[in-house]
Amino acid sequence: MRSTVTLVNETGLHARPAADFVKTASSFDAQIKVNGVDAKSLLGIMAMGAKKGTELELVATGAQAQEAIDGLVALVESGFSE
């Protein structure tokens, strides 16, 4: 499964949104990459330095791949409730 979503929150993937992203990704039985980085790695996600307007390409495989993509897209589109 593959999807692209654009960061809409003003602060991008700083510590709290990055932690929320990793927590959500880790809740699924799937292997997930975001722009080539393991979506379950907090350090990897933060190291991307993704800012508002950055496009995130999500790629998932495994039993819950579609659910993982849907959940992460919804989280990013919500602006991480910021």
PDB file of N, CA and C in Angstrom:
ATOM      1  N   MET A   1       0.845  -1.163   0.000  1.00  0.00           N
ATOM      2  CA  MET A   1       0.000   0.000   0.000  1.00  0.00           C
ATOM      3  C   MET A   1       0.900   1.239   0.000  1.00  0.00           C
ATOM      4  N   ARG A   2       0.417   2.274  -0.642  1.00  0.00           N
ATOM      5  CA  ARG A   2       1.219   3.497  -0.761  1.00  0.00           C
ATOM      6  C   ARG A   2       0.270   4.694  -0.759  1.00  0.00           C
ATOM      7  N   SER A   3       0.708   5.776  -0.110  1.00  0.00           N
ATOM      8  CA  SER A   3      -0.072   7.013  -0.111  1.00  0.00           C
ATOM      9  C   SER A   3       0.868   8.184   0.144  1.00  0.00           C
ATOM     10  N   THR A   4       0.470   9.360  -0.320  1.00  0.00           N
ATOM     11  CA  THR A   4       1.238  10.575  -0.069  1.00  0.00           C
ATOM     12  C   THR A   4       0.332  11.567   0.646  1.00  0.00           C
ATOM     13  N   VAL A   5       0.876  12.199   1.671  1.00  0.00           N
ATOM     14  CA  VAL A   5       0.122  13.177   2.458  1.00  0.00           C
ATOM     15  C   VAL A   5       1.050  14.350   2.766  1.00  0.00           C
ATOM     16  N   THR A   6       0.477  15.544   2.883  1.00  0.00           N
ATOM     17  CA  THR A   6       1.261  16.755   3.128  1.00  0.00           C
ATOM     18  C   THR A   6       1.086  17.203   4.572  1.00  0.00           C
ATOM     19  N   LEU A   7       2.202  17.523   5.238  1.00  0.00           N
ATOM     20  CA  LEU A   7       2.139  18.029   6.608  1.00  0.00           C
ATOM     21  C   LEU A   7       1.426  19.382   6.619  1.00  0.00           C
ATOM     22  N   VAL A   8       0.426  19.515   7.475  1.00  0.00           N
ATOM     23  CA  VAL A   8      -0.339  20.760   7.540  1.00  0.00           C
ATOM     24  C   VAL A   8      -0.118  21.525   8.841  1.00  0.00           C
ATOM     25  N   ASN A   9       0.408  20.853   9.860  1.00  0.00           N
ATOM     26  CA  ASN A   9       0.595  21.565  11.127  1.00  0.00           C
ATOM     27  C   ASN A   9       1.786  22.517  11.032  1.00  0.00           C
ATOM     28  N   GLU A  10       1.672  23.637  11.717  1.00  0.00           N
ATOM     29  CA  GLU A  10       2.661  24.720  11.621  1.00  0.00           C
ATOM     30  C   GLU A  10       4.070  24.294  12.014  1.00  0.00           C
ATOM     31  N   THR A  11       4.185  23.387  12.967  1.00  0.00           N
ATOM     32  CA  THR A  11       5.493  23.062  13.520  1.00  0.00           C
ATOM     33  C   THR A  11       6.142  21.820  12.903  1.00  0.00           C
ATOM     34  N   GLY A  12       5.466  21.181  11.952  1.00  0.00           N
ATOM     35  CA  GLY A  12       6.041  19.999  11.325  1.00  0.00           C
ATOM     36  C   GLY A  12       6.167  18.837  12.292  1.00  0.00           C
ATOM     37  N   LEU A  13       7.090  17.945  12.022  1.00  0.00           N
ATOM     38  CA  LEU A  13       7.269  16.756  12.872  1.00  0.00           C
ATOM     39  C   LEU A  13       8.306  17.017  13.956  1.00  0.00           C
ATOM     40  N   HIS A  14       7.984  17.922  14.880  1.00  0.00           N
ATOM     41  CA  HIS A  14       8.843  18.117  16.047  1.00  0.00           C
ATOM     42  C   HIS A  14       8.542  17.001  17.042  1.00  0.00           C
ATOM     43  N   ALA A  15       9.048  17.085  18.255  1.00  0.00           N
ATOM     44  CA  ALA A  15       9.023  15.972  19.204  1.00  0.00           C
ATOM     45  C   ALA A  15       7.640  15.361  19.446  1.00  0.00           C
ATOM     46  N   ARG A  16       6.632  16.159  19.815  1.00  0.00           N
ATOM     47  CA  ARG A  16       5.339  15.576  20.157  1.00  0.00           C
ATOM     48  C   ARG A  16       4.641  14.950  18.947  1.00  0.00           C
ATOM     49  N   PRO A  17       4.523  15.659  17.822  1.00  0.00           N
ATOM     50  CA  PRO A  17       3.900  15.009  16.672  1.00  0.00           C
ATOM     51  C   PRO A  17       4.682  13.788  16.173  1.00  0.00           C
ATOM     52  N   ALA A  18       5.994  13.855  16.239  1.00  0.00           N
ATOM     53  CA  ALA A  18       6.805  12.706  15.822  1.00  0.00           C
ATOM     54  C   ALA A  18       6.511  11.508  16.724  1.00  0.00           C
ATOM     55  N   ALA A  19       6.391  11.754  18.031  1.00  0.00           N
ATOM     56  CA  ALA A  19       6.073  10.673  18.969  1.00  0.00           C
ATOM     57  C   ALA A  19       4.682  10.111  18.688  1.00  0.00           C
ATOM     58  N   ASP A  20       3.720  10.980  18.393  1.00  0.00           N
ATOM     59  CA  ASP A  20       2.372  10.517  18.046  1.00  0.00           C
ATOM     60  C   ASP A  20       2.394   9.689  16.770  1.00  0.00           C
ATOM     61  N   PHE A  21       3.177  10.122  15.795  1.00  0.00           N
ATOM     62  CA  PHE A  21       3.293   9.416  14.521  1.00  0.00           C
ATOM     63  C   PHE A  21       3.853   8.010  14.756  1.00  0.00           C
ATOM     64  N   VAL A  22       4.939   7.926  15.532  1.00  0.00           N
ATOM     65  CA  VAL A  22       5.586   6.633  15.811  1.00  0.00           C
ATOM     66  C   VAL A  22       4.652   5.731  16.618  1.00  0.00           C
ATOM     67  N   LYS A  23       3.955   6.306  17.599  1.00  0.00           N
ATOM     68  CA  LYS A  23       3.021   5.524  18.420  1.00  0.00           C
ATOM     69  C   LYS A  23       1.915   4.942  17.538  1.00  0.00           C
ATOM     70  N   THR A  24       1.383   5.760  16.645  1.00  0.00           N
ATOM     71  CA  THR A  24       0.333   5.283  15.748  1.00  0.00           C
ATOM     72  C   THR A  24       0.880   4.204  14.822  1.00  0.00           C
ATOM     73  N   ALA A  25       2.024   4.441  14.215  1.00  0.00           N
ATOM     74  CA  ALA A  25       2.624   3.456  13.312  1.00  0.00           C
ATOM     75  C   ALA A  25       2.886   2.136  14.033  1.00  0.00           C
ATOM     76  N   SER A  26       3.340   2.223  15.273  1.00  0.00           N
ATOM     77  CA  SER A  26       3.689   1.022  16.036  1.00  0.00           C
ATOM     78  C   SER A  26       2.477   0.207  16.450  1.00  0.00           C
ATOM     79  N   SER A  27       1.293   0.796  16.355  1.00  0.00           N
ATOM     80  CA  SER A  27       0.081   0.090  16.774  1.00  0.00           C
ATOM     81  C   SER A  27      -0.429  -0.874  15.700  1.00  0.00           C
ATOM     82  N   PHE A  28       0.202  -0.874  14.534  1.00  0.00           N
ATOM     83  CA  PHE A  28      -0.248  -1.723  13.437  1.00  0.00           C
ATOM     84  C   PHE A  28       0.733  -2.854  13.149  1.00  0.00           C
ATOM     85  N   ASP A  29       0.185  -4.003  12.755  1.00  0.00           N
ATOM     86  CA  ASP A  29       0.988  -5.150  12.332  1.00  0.00           C
ATOM     87  C   ASP A  29       1.342  -4.939  10.861  1.00  0.00           C
ATOM     88  N   ALA A  30       2.318  -4.054  10.646  1.00  0.00           N
ATOM     89  CA  ALA A  30       2.742  -3.718   9.283  1.00  0.00           C
ATOM     90  C   ALA A  30       4.143  -3.130   9.333  1.00  0.00           C
ATOM     91  N   GLN A  31       4.848  -3.263   8.243  1.00  0.00           N
ATOM     92  CA  GLN A  31       6.135  -2.603   8.081  1.00  0.00           C
ATOM     93  C   GLN A  31       5.831  -1.308   7.325  1.00  0.00           C
ATOM     94  N   ILE A  32       6.228  -0.171   7.919  1.00  0.00           N
ATOM     95  CA  ILE A  32       5.852   1.115   7.353  1.00  0.00           C
ATOM     96  C   ILE A  32       7.095   1.981   7.178  1.00  0.00           C
ATOM     97  N   LYS A  33       7.201   2.570   6.013  1.00  0.00           N
ATOM     98  CA  LYS A  33       8.281   3.523   5.736  1.00  0.00           C
ATOM     99  C   LYS A  33       7.648   4.858   5.383  1.00  0.00           C
ATOM    100  N   VAL A  34       8.288   5.930   5.814  1.00  0.00           N
ATOM    101  CA  VAL A  34       7.871   7.274   5.436  1.00  0.00           C
ATOM    102  C   VAL A  34       9.093   7.958   4.843  1.00  0.00           C
ATOM    103  N   ASN A  35       9.015   8.307   3.586  1.00  0.00           N
ATOM    104  CA  ASN A  35      10.154   8.870   2.853  1.00  0.00           C
ATOM    105  C   ASN A  35      11.406   8.012   3.047  1.00  0.00           C
ATOM    106  N   GLY A  36      11.211   6.700   3.063  1.00  0.00           N
ATOM    107  CA  GLY A  36      12.315   5.755   3.176  1.00  0.00           C
ATOM    108  C   GLY A  36      12.793   5.467   4.586  1.00  0.00           C
ATOM    109  N   VAL A  37      12.189   6.121   5.586  1.00  0.00           N
ATOM    110  CA  VAL A  37      12.592   5.961   6.989  1.00  0.00           C
ATOM    111  C   VAL A  37      11.586   5.059   7.700  1.00  0.00           C
ATOM    112  N   ASP A  38      12.063   4.214   8.605  1.00  0.00           N
ATOM    113  CA  ASP A  38      11.190   3.356   9.402  1.00  0.00           C
ATOM    114  C   ASP A  38      10.236   4.238  10.209  1.00  0.00           C
ATOM    115  N   ALA A  39       8.941   4.096   9.973  1.00  0.00           N
ATOM    116  CA  ALA A  39       7.934   4.929  10.635  1.00  0.00           C
ATOM    117  C   ALA A  39       7.806   4.616  12.119  1.00  0.00           C
ATOM    118  N   LYS A  40       8.426   3.538  12.577  1.00  0.00           N
ATOM    119  CA  LYS A  40       8.356   3.170  13.991  1.00  0.00           C
ATOM    120  C   LYS A  40       9.597   3.607  14.752  1.00  0.00           C
ATOM    121  N   SER A  41      10.456   4.403  14.112  1.00  0.00           N
ATOM    122  CA  SER A  41      11.698   4.889  14.712  1.00  0.00           C
ATOM    123  C   SER A  41      11.582   6.385  15.015  1.00  0.00           C
ATOM    124  N   LEU A  42      11.485   6.725  16.289  1.00  0.00           N
ATOM    125  CA  LEU A  42      11.351   8.129  16.675  1.00  0.00           C
ATOM    126  C   LEU A  42      12.556   8.941  16.203  1.00  0.00           C
ATOM    127  N   LEU A  43      13.755   8.424  16.397  1.00  0.00           N
ATOM    128  CA  LEU A  43      14.940   9.157  15.964  1.00  0.00           C
ATOM    129  C   LEU A  43      14.956   9.350  14.450  1.00  0.00           C
ATOM    130  N   GLY A  44      14.550   8.318  13.724  1.00  0.00           N
ATOM    131  CA  GLY A  44      14.505   8.414  12.274  1.00  0.00           C
ATOM    132  C   GLY A  44      13.508   9.461  11.800  1.00  0.00           C
ATOM    133  N   ILE A  45      12.334   9.477  12.412  1.00  0.00           N
ATOM    134  CA  ILE A  45      11.299  10.439  12.029  1.00  0.00           C
ATOM    135  C   ILE A  45      11.747  11.862  12.358  1.00  0.00           C
ATOM    136  N   MET A  46      12.300  12.057  13.534  1.00  0.00           N
ATOM    137  CA  MET A  46      12.745  13.400  13.916  1.00  0.00           C
ATOM    138  C   MET A  46      13.918  13.864  13.052  1.00  0.00           C
ATOM    139  N   ALA A  47      14.787  12.933  12.671  1.00  0.00           N
ATOM    140  CA  ALA A  47      15.950  13.286  11.861  1.00  0.00           C
ATOM    141  C   ALA A  47      15.557  13.752  10.456  1.00  0.00           C
ATOM    142  N   MET A  48      14.351  13.411  10.024  1.00  0.00           N
ATOM    143  CA  MET A  48      13.887  13.861   8.709  1.00  0.00           C
ATOM    144  C   MET A  48      13.755  15.382   8.661  1.00  0.00           C
ATOM    145  N   GLY A  49      13.485  15.994   9.809  1.00  0.00           N
ATOM    146  CA  GLY A  49      13.336  17.446   9.851  1.00  0.00           C
ATOM    147  C   GLY A  49      12.171  17.937   9.008  1.00  0.00           C
ATOM    148  N   ALA A  50      11.095  17.159   8.942  1.00  0.00           N
ATOM    149  CA  ALA A  50       9.950  17.510   8.108  1.00  0.00           C
ATOM    150  C   ALA A  50       9.221  18.729   8.658  1.00  0.00           C
ATOM    151  N   LYS A  51       9.007  19.706   7.800  1.00  0.00           N
ATOM    152  CA  LYS A  51       8.347  20.963   8.158  1.00  0.00           C
ATOM    153  C   LYS A  51       6.996  21.054   7.460  1.00  0.00           C
ATOM    154  N   LYS A  52       6.207  22.049   7.834  1.00  0.00           N
ATOM    155  CA  LYS A  52       4.907  22.262   7.199  1.00  0.00           C
ATOM    156  C   LYS A  52       5.079  22.309   5.682  1.00  0.00           C
ATOM    157  N   GLY A  53       4.199  21.609   4.984  1.00  0.00           N
ATOM    158  CA  GLY A  53       4.250  21.574   3.533  1.00  0.00           C
ATOM    159  C   GLY A  53       5.051  20.414   2.970  1.00  0.00           C
ATOM    160  N   THR A  54       5.790  19.698   3.824  1.00  0.00           N
ATOM    161  CA  THR A  54       6.565  18.541   3.370  1.00  0.00           C
ATOM    162  C   THR A  54       5.623  17.411   2.964  1.00  0.00           C
ATOM    163  N   GLU A  55       5.878  16.816   1.816  1.00  0.00           N
ATOM    164  CA  GLU A  55       5.106  15.654   1.395  1.00  0.00           C
ATOM    165  C   GLU A  55       5.727  14.407   1.999  1.00  0.00           C
ATOM    166  N   LEU A  56       4.882  13.592   2.608  1.00  0.00           N
ATOM    167  CA  LEU A  56       5.318  12.339   3.200  1.00  0.00           C
ATOM    168  C   LEU A  56       4.786  11.196   2.351  1.00  0.00           C
ATOM    169  N   GLU A  57       5.692  10.369   1.845  1.00  0.00           N
ATOM    170  CA  GLU A  57       5.281   9.187   1.094  1.00  0.00           C
ATOM    171  C   GLU A  57       5.278   8.000   2.050  1.00  0.00           C
ATOM    172  N   LEU A  58       4.109   7.462   2.281  1.00  0.00           N
ATOM    173  CA  LEU A  58       3.932   6.330   3.184  1.00  0.00           C
ATOM    174  C   LEU A  58       3.835   5.056   2.366  1.00  0.00           C
ATOM    175  N   VAL A  59       4.623   4.069   2.743  1.00  0.00           N
ATOM    176  CA  VAL A  59       4.601   2.759   2.086  1.00  0.00           C
ATOM    177  C   VAL A  59       4.496   1.717   3.186  1.00  0.00           C
ATOM    178  N   ALA A  60       3.489   0.854   3.081  1.00  0.00           N
ATOM    179  CA  ALA A  60       3.280  -0.156   4.118  1.00  0.00           C
ATOM    180  C   ALA A  60       3.045  -1.522   3.498  1.00  0.00           C
ATOM    181  N   THR A  61       3.548  -2.544   4.182  1.00  0.00           N
ATOM    182  CA  THR A  61       3.304  -3.929   3.801  1.00  0.00           C
ATOM    183  C   THR A  61       2.955  -4.686   5.069  1.00  0.00           C
ATOM    184  N   GLY A  62       2.250  -5.777   4.910  1.00  0.00           N
ATOM    185  CA  GLY A  62       1.912  -6.594   6.066  1.00  0.00           C
ATOM    186  C   GLY A  62       0.412  -6.692   6.267  1.00  0.00           C
ATOM    187  N   ALA A  63       0.041  -7.401   7.325  1.00  0.00           N
ATOM    188  CA  ALA A  63      -1.360  -7.725   7.584  1.00  0.00           C
ATOM    189  C   ALA A  63      -2.253  -6.497   7.720  1.00  0.00           C
ATOM    190  N   GLN A  64      -1.762  -5.452   8.329  1.00  0.00           N
ATOM    191  CA  GLN A  64      -2.580  -4.252   8.549  1.00  0.00           C
ATOM    192  C   GLN A  64      -2.068  -3.053   7.748  1.00  0.00           C
ATOM    193  N   ALA A  65      -1.527  -3.300   6.573  1.00  0.00           N
ATOM    194  CA  ALA A  65      -0.938  -2.231   5.770  1.00  0.00           C
ATOM    195  C   ALA A  65      -1.946  -1.128   5.448  1.00  0.00           C
ATOM    196  N   GLN A  66      -3.131  -1.494   4.980  1.00  0.00           N
ATOM    197  CA  GLN A  66      -4.122  -0.467   4.619  1.00  0.00           C
ATOM    198  C   GLN A  66      -4.576   0.321   5.841  1.00  0.00           C
ATOM    199  N   GLU A  67      -4.803  -0.374   6.947  1.00  0.00           N
ATOM    200  CA  GLU A  67      -5.210   0.301   8.179  1.00  0.00           C
ATOM    201  C   GLU A  67      -4.132   1.260   8.653  1.00  0.00           C
ATOM    202  N   ALA A  68      -2.877   0.853   8.526  1.00  0.00           N
ATOM    203  CA  ALA A  68      -1.754   1.701   8.935  1.00  0.00           C
ATOM    204  C   ALA A  68      -1.704   2.968   8.085  1.00  0.00           C
ATOM    205  N   ILE A  69      -1.819   2.817   6.780  1.00  0.00           N
ATOM    206  CA  ILE A  69      -1.809   3.974   5.882  1.00  0.00           C
ATOM    207  C   ILE A  69      -2.971   4.906   6.234  1.00  0.00           C
ATOM    208  N   ASP A  70      -4.166   4.334   6.375  1.00  0.00           N
ATOM    209  CA  ASP A  70      -5.350   5.153   6.680  1.00  0.00           C
ATOM    210  C   ASP A  70      -5.187   5.903   7.999  1.00  0.00           C
ATOM    211  N   GLY A  71      -4.674   5.226   9.016  1.00  0.00           N
ATOM    212  CA  GLY A  71      -4.495   5.847  10.323  1.00  0.00           C
ATOM    213  C   GLY A  71      -3.459   6.959  10.305  1.00  0.00           C
ATOM    214  N   LEU A  72      -2.353   6.737   9.619  1.00  0.00           N
ATOM    215  CA  LEU A  72      -1.304   7.757   9.558  1.00  0.00           C
ATOM    216  C   LEU A  72      -1.722   8.951   8.706  1.00  0.00           C
ATOM    217  N   VAL A  73      -2.413   8.706   7.608  1.00  0.00           N
ATOM    218  CA  VAL A  73      -2.912   9.804   6.777  1.00  0.00           C
ATOM    219  C   VAL A  73      -3.886  10.656   7.594  1.00  0.00           C
ATOM    220  N   ALA A  74      -4.798  10.018   8.316  1.00  0.00           N
ATOM    221  CA  ALA A  74      -5.767  10.749   9.137  1.00  0.00           C
ATOM    222  C   ALA A  74      -5.050  11.587  10.197  1.00  0.00           C
ATOM    223  N   LEU A  75      -4.018  11.018  10.822  1.00  0.00           N
ATOM    224  CA  LEU A  75      -3.262  11.736  11.852  1.00  0.00           C
ATOM    225  C   LEU A  75      -2.580  12.968  11.266  1.00  0.00           C
ATOM    226  N   VAL A  76      -1.910  12.809  10.144  1.00  0.00           N
ATOM    227  CA  VAL A  76      -1.207  13.924   9.518  1.00  0.00           C
ATOM    228  C   VAL A  76      -2.205  14.989   9.045  1.00  0.00           C
ATOM    229  N   GLU A  77      -3.303  14.550   8.419  1.00  0.00           N
ATOM    230  CA  GLU A  77      -4.294  15.512   7.924  1.00  0.00           C
ATOM    231  C   GLU A  77      -4.977  16.276   9.056  1.00  0.00           C
ATOM    232  N   SER A  78      -5.024  15.685  10.247  1.00  0.00           N
ATOM    233  CA  SER A  78      -5.632  16.362  11.398  1.00  0.00           C
ATOM    234  C   SER A  78      -4.705  17.429  11.976  1.00  0.00           C
ATOM    235  N   GLY A  79      -3.478  17.495  11.462  1.00  0.00           N
ATOM    236  CA  GLY A  79      -2.506  18.445  12.005  1.00  0.00           C
ATOM    237  C   GLY A  79      -2.036  18.053  13.395  1.00  0.00           C
ATOM    238  N   PHE A  80      -2.166  16.765  13.728  1.00  0.00           N
ATOM    239  CA  PHE A  80      -1.756  16.236  15.034  1.00  0.00           C
ATOM    240  C   PHE A  80      -2.499  16.953  16.169  1.00  0.00           C
ATOM    241  N   SER A  81      -3.688  17.450  15.853  1.00  0.00           N
ATOM    242  CA  SER A  81      -4.532  18.153  16.841  1.00  0.00           C
ATOM    243  C   SER A  81      -3.845  19.348  17.459  1.00  0.00           C
ATOM    244  N   GLU A  82      -2.979  19.992  16.694  1.00  0.00           N
ATOM    245  CA  GLU A  82      -2.305  21.183  17.186  1.00  0.00           C
ATOM    246  C   GLU A  82      -3.061  22.434  16.773  1.00  0.00           C
TER     247      GLU A  82
END
